[in-house]
């Protein structure tokens, strides 16, 4: 049985050791208390969205990503790609980070992934 706080610490330490840089690994609040989120720290999260030139802003395709240079935005593509590789995932991590559901199997899976190992167990979805 792995608890949330120990899992957060282990994932944060493993990612820093393997990448040489800090990653934001935080626990959820309220009803999402057991969930964990992995993201670039605010200082490296400078990506934002803006309406493309000539677009109306009414359709999702009207927006483009850009590096604002201002902290507190979303992860840049380079960090998303690096985190995807560090975790051994098939699909690129979302620009808002990687969410890990609450549960011992999920916790162990991502401890293994953060350490560069093939997961010894895989989390199974427990909600509809």
C-alpha atoms as a PDB file:
ATOM      1  CA  UNK A   1       0.000   0.000   0.000  1.00  0.00           C
ATOM      2  CA  UNK A   2       1.488   3.303  -1.124  1.00  0.00           C
ATOM      3  CA  UNK A   3       0.179   6.578   0.206  1.00  0.00           C
ATOM      4  CA  UNK A   4      -0.306   9.710  -1.848  1.00  0.00           C
ATOM      5  CA  UNK A   5       2.379  11.847  -0.199  1.00  0.00           C
ATOM      6  CA  UNK A   6       5.048   9.142  -0.462  1.00  0.00           C
ATOM      7  CA  UNK A   7       4.095   8.603  -4.111  1.00  0.00           C
ATOM      8  CA  UNK A   8       4.404  12.324  -4.870  1.00  0.00           C
ATOM      9  CA  UNK A   9       7.851  12.448  -3.276  1.00  0.00           C
ATOM     10  CA  UNK A  10       9.061   9.329  -5.099  1.00  0.00           C
ATOM     11  CA  UNK A  11       7.841  10.513  -8.522  1.00  0.00           C
ATOM     12  CA  UNK A  12       9.304  14.020  -8.033  1.00  0.00           C
ATOM     13  CA  UNK A  13      12.682  12.617  -6.941  1.00  0.00           C
ATOM     14  CA  UNK A  14      12.862  10.061  -9.758  1.00  0.00           C
ATOM     15  CA  UNK A  15      11.993  12.571 -12.490  1.00  0.00           C
ATOM     16  CA  UNK A  16      14.564  15.068 -11.178  1.00  0.00           C
ATOM     17  CA  UNK A  17      17.243  12.363 -11.005  1.00  0.00           C
ATOM     18  CA  UNK A  18      16.556  11.184 -14.557  1.00  0.00           C
ATOM     19  CA  UNK A  19      16.040  14.563 -16.256  1.00  0.00           C
ATOM     20  CA  UNK A  20      18.235  16.857 -14.188  1.00  0.00           C
ATOM     21  CA  UNK A  21      15.406  19.340 -13.757  1.00  0.00           C
ATOM     22  CA  UNK A  22      12.544  19.983 -11.387  1.00  0.00           C
ATOM     23  CA  UNK A  23       8.993  18.822 -12.082  1.00  0.00           C
ATOM     24  CA  UNK A  24       5.846  19.887 -10.281  1.00  0.00           C
ATOM     25  CA  UNK A  25       4.216  16.823  -8.728  1.00  0.00           C
ATOM     26  CA  UNK A  26       1.198  17.784  -6.645  1.00  0.00           C
ATOM     27  CA  UNK A  27      -1.775  16.158  -4.980  1.00  0.00           C
ATOM     28  CA  UNK A  28      -5.352  17.080  -5.697  1.00  0.00           C
ATOM     29  CA  UNK A  29      -7.632  18.936  -3.306  1.00  0.00           C
ATOM     30  CA  UNK A  30     -11.193  18.329  -2.158  1.00  0.00           C
ATOM     31  CA  UNK A  31     -12.947  15.493  -3.976  1.00  0.00           C
ATOM     32  CA  UNK A  32      -9.816  15.000  -6.115  1.00  0.00           C
ATOM     33  CA  UNK A  33      -7.613  14.583  -3.025  1.00  0.00           C
ATOM     34  CA  UNK A  34      -6.096  11.239  -4.063  1.00  0.00           C
ATOM     35  CA  UNK A  35      -5.290  12.282  -7.617  1.00  0.00           C
ATOM     36  CA  UNK A  36      -1.760  13.417  -8.539  1.00  0.00           C
ATOM     37  CA  UNK A  37      -0.707  15.832 -11.269  1.00  0.00           C
ATOM     38  CA  UNK A  38       2.704  15.998 -12.934  1.00  0.00           C
ATOM     39  CA  UNK A  39       3.523  19.243 -14.708  1.00  0.00           C
ATOM     40  CA  UNK A  40       6.386  21.614 -15.428  1.00  0.00           C
ATOM     41  CA  UNK A  41       6.880  24.117 -12.597  1.00  0.00           C
ATOM     42  CA  UNK A  42       5.190  27.533 -13.033  1.00  0.00           C
ATOM     43  CA  UNK A  43       8.449  29.230 -14.077  1.00  0.00           C
ATOM     44  CA  UNK A  44       8.732  26.865 -17.093  1.00  0.00           C
ATOM     45  CA  UNK A  45       4.991  26.865 -17.832  1.00  0.00           C
ATOM     46  CA  UNK A  46       4.863  29.846 -20.173  1.00  0.00           C
ATOM     47  CA  UNK A  47       2.703  28.551 -23.033  1.00  0.00           C
ATOM     48  CA  UNK A  48      -0.598  30.283 -23.686  1.00  0.00           C
ATOM     49  CA  UNK A  49      -3.214  30.381 -26.460  1.00  0.00           C
ATOM     50  CA  UNK A  50      -4.236  33.282 -28.672  1.00  0.00           C
ATOM     51  CA  UNK A  51      -6.655  33.815 -31.544  1.00  0.00           C
ATOM     52  CA  UNK A  52      -4.950  33.352 -34.919  1.00  0.00           C
ATOM     53  CA  UNK A  53      -4.727  36.380 -37.172  1.00  0.00           C
ATOM     54  CA  UNK A  54      -7.952  36.745 -39.164  1.00  0.00           C
ATOM     55  CA  UNK A  55      -9.864  34.195 -37.041  1.00  0.00           C
ATOM     56  CA  UNK A  56     -13.065  34.939 -35.136  1.00  0.00           C
ATOM     57  CA  UNK A  57     -12.257  32.998 -31.975  1.00  0.00           C
ATOM     58  CA  UNK A  58     -15.492  31.039 -32.142  1.00  0.00           C
ATOM     59  CA  UNK A  59     -14.019  27.707 -33.250  1.00  0.00           C
ATOM     60  CA  UNK A  60     -11.355  25.590 -31.523  1.00  0.00           C
ATOM     61  CA  UNK A  61      -9.166  25.759 -34.653  1.00  0.00           C
ATOM     62  CA  UNK A  62      -9.073  29.562 -34.353  1.00  0.00           C
ATOM     63  CA  UNK A  63      -6.443  29.350 -31.605  1.00  0.00           C
ATOM     64  CA  UNK A  64      -2.693  28.784 -31.615  1.00  0.00           C
ATOM     65  CA  UNK A  65      -0.152  28.054 -28.898  1.00  0.00           C
ATOM     66  CA  UNK A  66       2.659  30.502 -28.231  1.00  0.00           C
ATOM     67  CA  UNK A  67       5.387  31.013 -25.645  1.00  0.00           C
ATOM     68  CA  UNK A  68       4.333  34.100 -23.717  1.00  0.00           C
ATOM     69  CA  UNK A  69       7.485  34.161 -21.586  1.00  0.00           C
ATOM     70  CA  UNK A  70       5.221  34.667 -18.563  1.00  0.00           C
ATOM     71  CA  UNK A  71       5.161  32.040 -15.793  1.00  0.00           C
ATOM     72  CA  UNK A  72       1.976  30.324 -14.692  1.00  0.00           C
ATOM     73  CA  UNK A  73       0.679  29.235 -18.105  1.00  0.00           C
ATOM     74  CA  UNK A  74       0.792  25.722 -19.529  1.00  0.00           C
ATOM     75  CA  UNK A  75       3.637  23.360 -20.389  1.00  0.00           C
ATOM     76  CA  UNK A  76       5.701  24.084 -23.468  1.00  0.00           C
ATOM     77  CA  UNK A  77       5.864  21.378 -26.129  1.00  0.00           C
ATOM     78  CA  UNK A  78       9.495  20.534 -25.275  1.00  0.00           C
ATOM     79  CA  UNK A  79       8.548  19.784 -21.641  1.00  0.00           C
ATOM     80  CA  UNK A  80       5.493  17.816 -22.739  1.00  0.00           C
ATOM     81  CA  UNK A  81       7.626  15.681 -25.035  1.00  0.00           C
ATOM     82  CA  UNK A  82      10.284  15.164 -22.358  1.00  0.00           C
ATOM     83  CA  UNK A  83       7.735  14.176 -19.713  1.00  0.00           C
ATOM     84  CA  UNK A  84       6.092  11.788 -22.186  1.00  0.00           C
ATOM     85  CA  UNK A  85       9.460  10.124 -22.778  1.00  0.00           C
ATOM     86  CA  UNK A  86      10.374  10.044 -19.074  1.00  0.00           C
ATOM     87  CA  UNK A  87       7.075   8.310 -18.259  1.00  0.00           C
ATOM     88  CA  UNK A  88       7.299   5.931 -21.232  1.00  0.00           C
ATOM     89  CA  UNK A  89       3.904   6.953 -22.587  1.00  0.00           C
ATOM     90  CA  UNK A  90       2.642   6.373 -26.138  1.00  0.00           C
ATOM     91  CA  UNK A  91       0.759   9.685 -26.425  1.00  0.00           C
ATOM     92  CA  UNK A  92       2.108  13.140 -25.703  1.00  0.00           C
ATOM     93  CA  UNK A  93       1.228  14.527 -22.280  1.00  0.00           C
ATOM     94  CA  UNK A  94      -1.504  17.202 -22.302  1.00  0.00           C
ATOM     95  CA  UNK A  95      -0.369  20.821 -22.023  1.00  0.00           C
ATOM     96  CA  UNK A  96      -2.015  20.974 -18.579  1.00  0.00           C
ATOM     97  CA  UNK A  97       0.074  18.058 -17.318  1.00  0.00           C
ATOM     98  CA  UNK A  98      -0.420  14.360 -16.616  1.00  0.00           C
ATOM     99  CA  UNK A  99      -3.132  13.353 -14.144  1.00  0.00           C
ATOM    100  CA  UNK A 100      -2.736  10.143 -12.172  1.00  0.00           C
ATOM    101  CA  UNK A 101      -5.918   8.734 -10.641  1.00  0.00           C
ATOM    102  CA  UNK A 102      -6.121   7.822  -6.977  1.00  0.00           C
ATOM    103  CA  UNK A 103      -5.354   4.191  -6.273  1.00  0.00           C
ATOM    104  CA  UNK A 104      -2.449   1.973  -5.286  1.00  0.00           C
ATOM    105  CA  UNK A 105      -2.135   0.358  -8.731  1.00  0.00           C
ATOM    106  CA  UNK A 106      -1.972   3.773 -10.434  1.00  0.00           C
ATOM    107  CA  UNK A 107       0.505   5.032  -7.849  1.00  0.00           C
ATOM    108  CA  UNK A 108       2.810   2.038  -8.353  1.00  0.00           C
ATOM    109  CA  UNK A 109       2.509   2.273 -12.138  1.00  0.00           C
ATOM    110  CA  UNK A 110       3.708   5.874 -12.135  1.00  0.00           C
ATOM    111  CA  UNK A 111       6.425   5.273  -9.546  1.00  0.00           C
ATOM    112  CA  UNK A 112       7.767   2.607 -11.907  1.00  0.00           C
ATOM    113  CA  UNK A 113       7.389   4.872 -14.949  1.00  0.00           C
ATOM    114  CA  UNK A 114       9.113   7.824 -13.240  1.00  0.00           C
ATOM    115  CA  UNK A 115      12.032   5.536 -12.384  1.00  0.00           C
ATOM    116  CA  UNK A 116      12.335   4.390 -16.007  1.00  0.00           C
ATOM    117  CA  UNK A 117      11.020   0.897 -15.336  1.00  0.00           C
ATOM    118  CA  UNK A 118       8.330  -1.096 -17.082  1.00  0.00           C
ATOM    119  CA  UNK A 119       5.317  -0.868 -14.757  1.00  0.00           C
ATOM    120  CA  UNK A 120       4.961  -3.865 -12.451  1.00  0.00           C
ATOM    121  CA  UNK A 121       1.197  -3.203 -12.334  1.00  0.00           C
ATOM    122  CA  UNK A 122      -1.203  -1.057 -14.342  1.00  0.00           C
ATOM    123  CA  UNK A 123      -3.998   1.010 -12.852  1.00  0.00           C
ATOM    124  CA  UNK A 124      -7.497  -0.026 -13.840  1.00  0.00           C
ATOM    125  CA  UNK A 125     -10.250   2.557 -14.322  1.00  0.00           C
ATOM    126  CA  UNK A 126     -12.685   2.344 -11.413  1.00  0.00           C
ATOM    127  CA  UNK A 127     -15.183   5.016 -12.474  1.00  0.00           C
ATOM    128  CA  UNK A 128     -17.731   5.273 -15.291  1.00  0.00           C
END
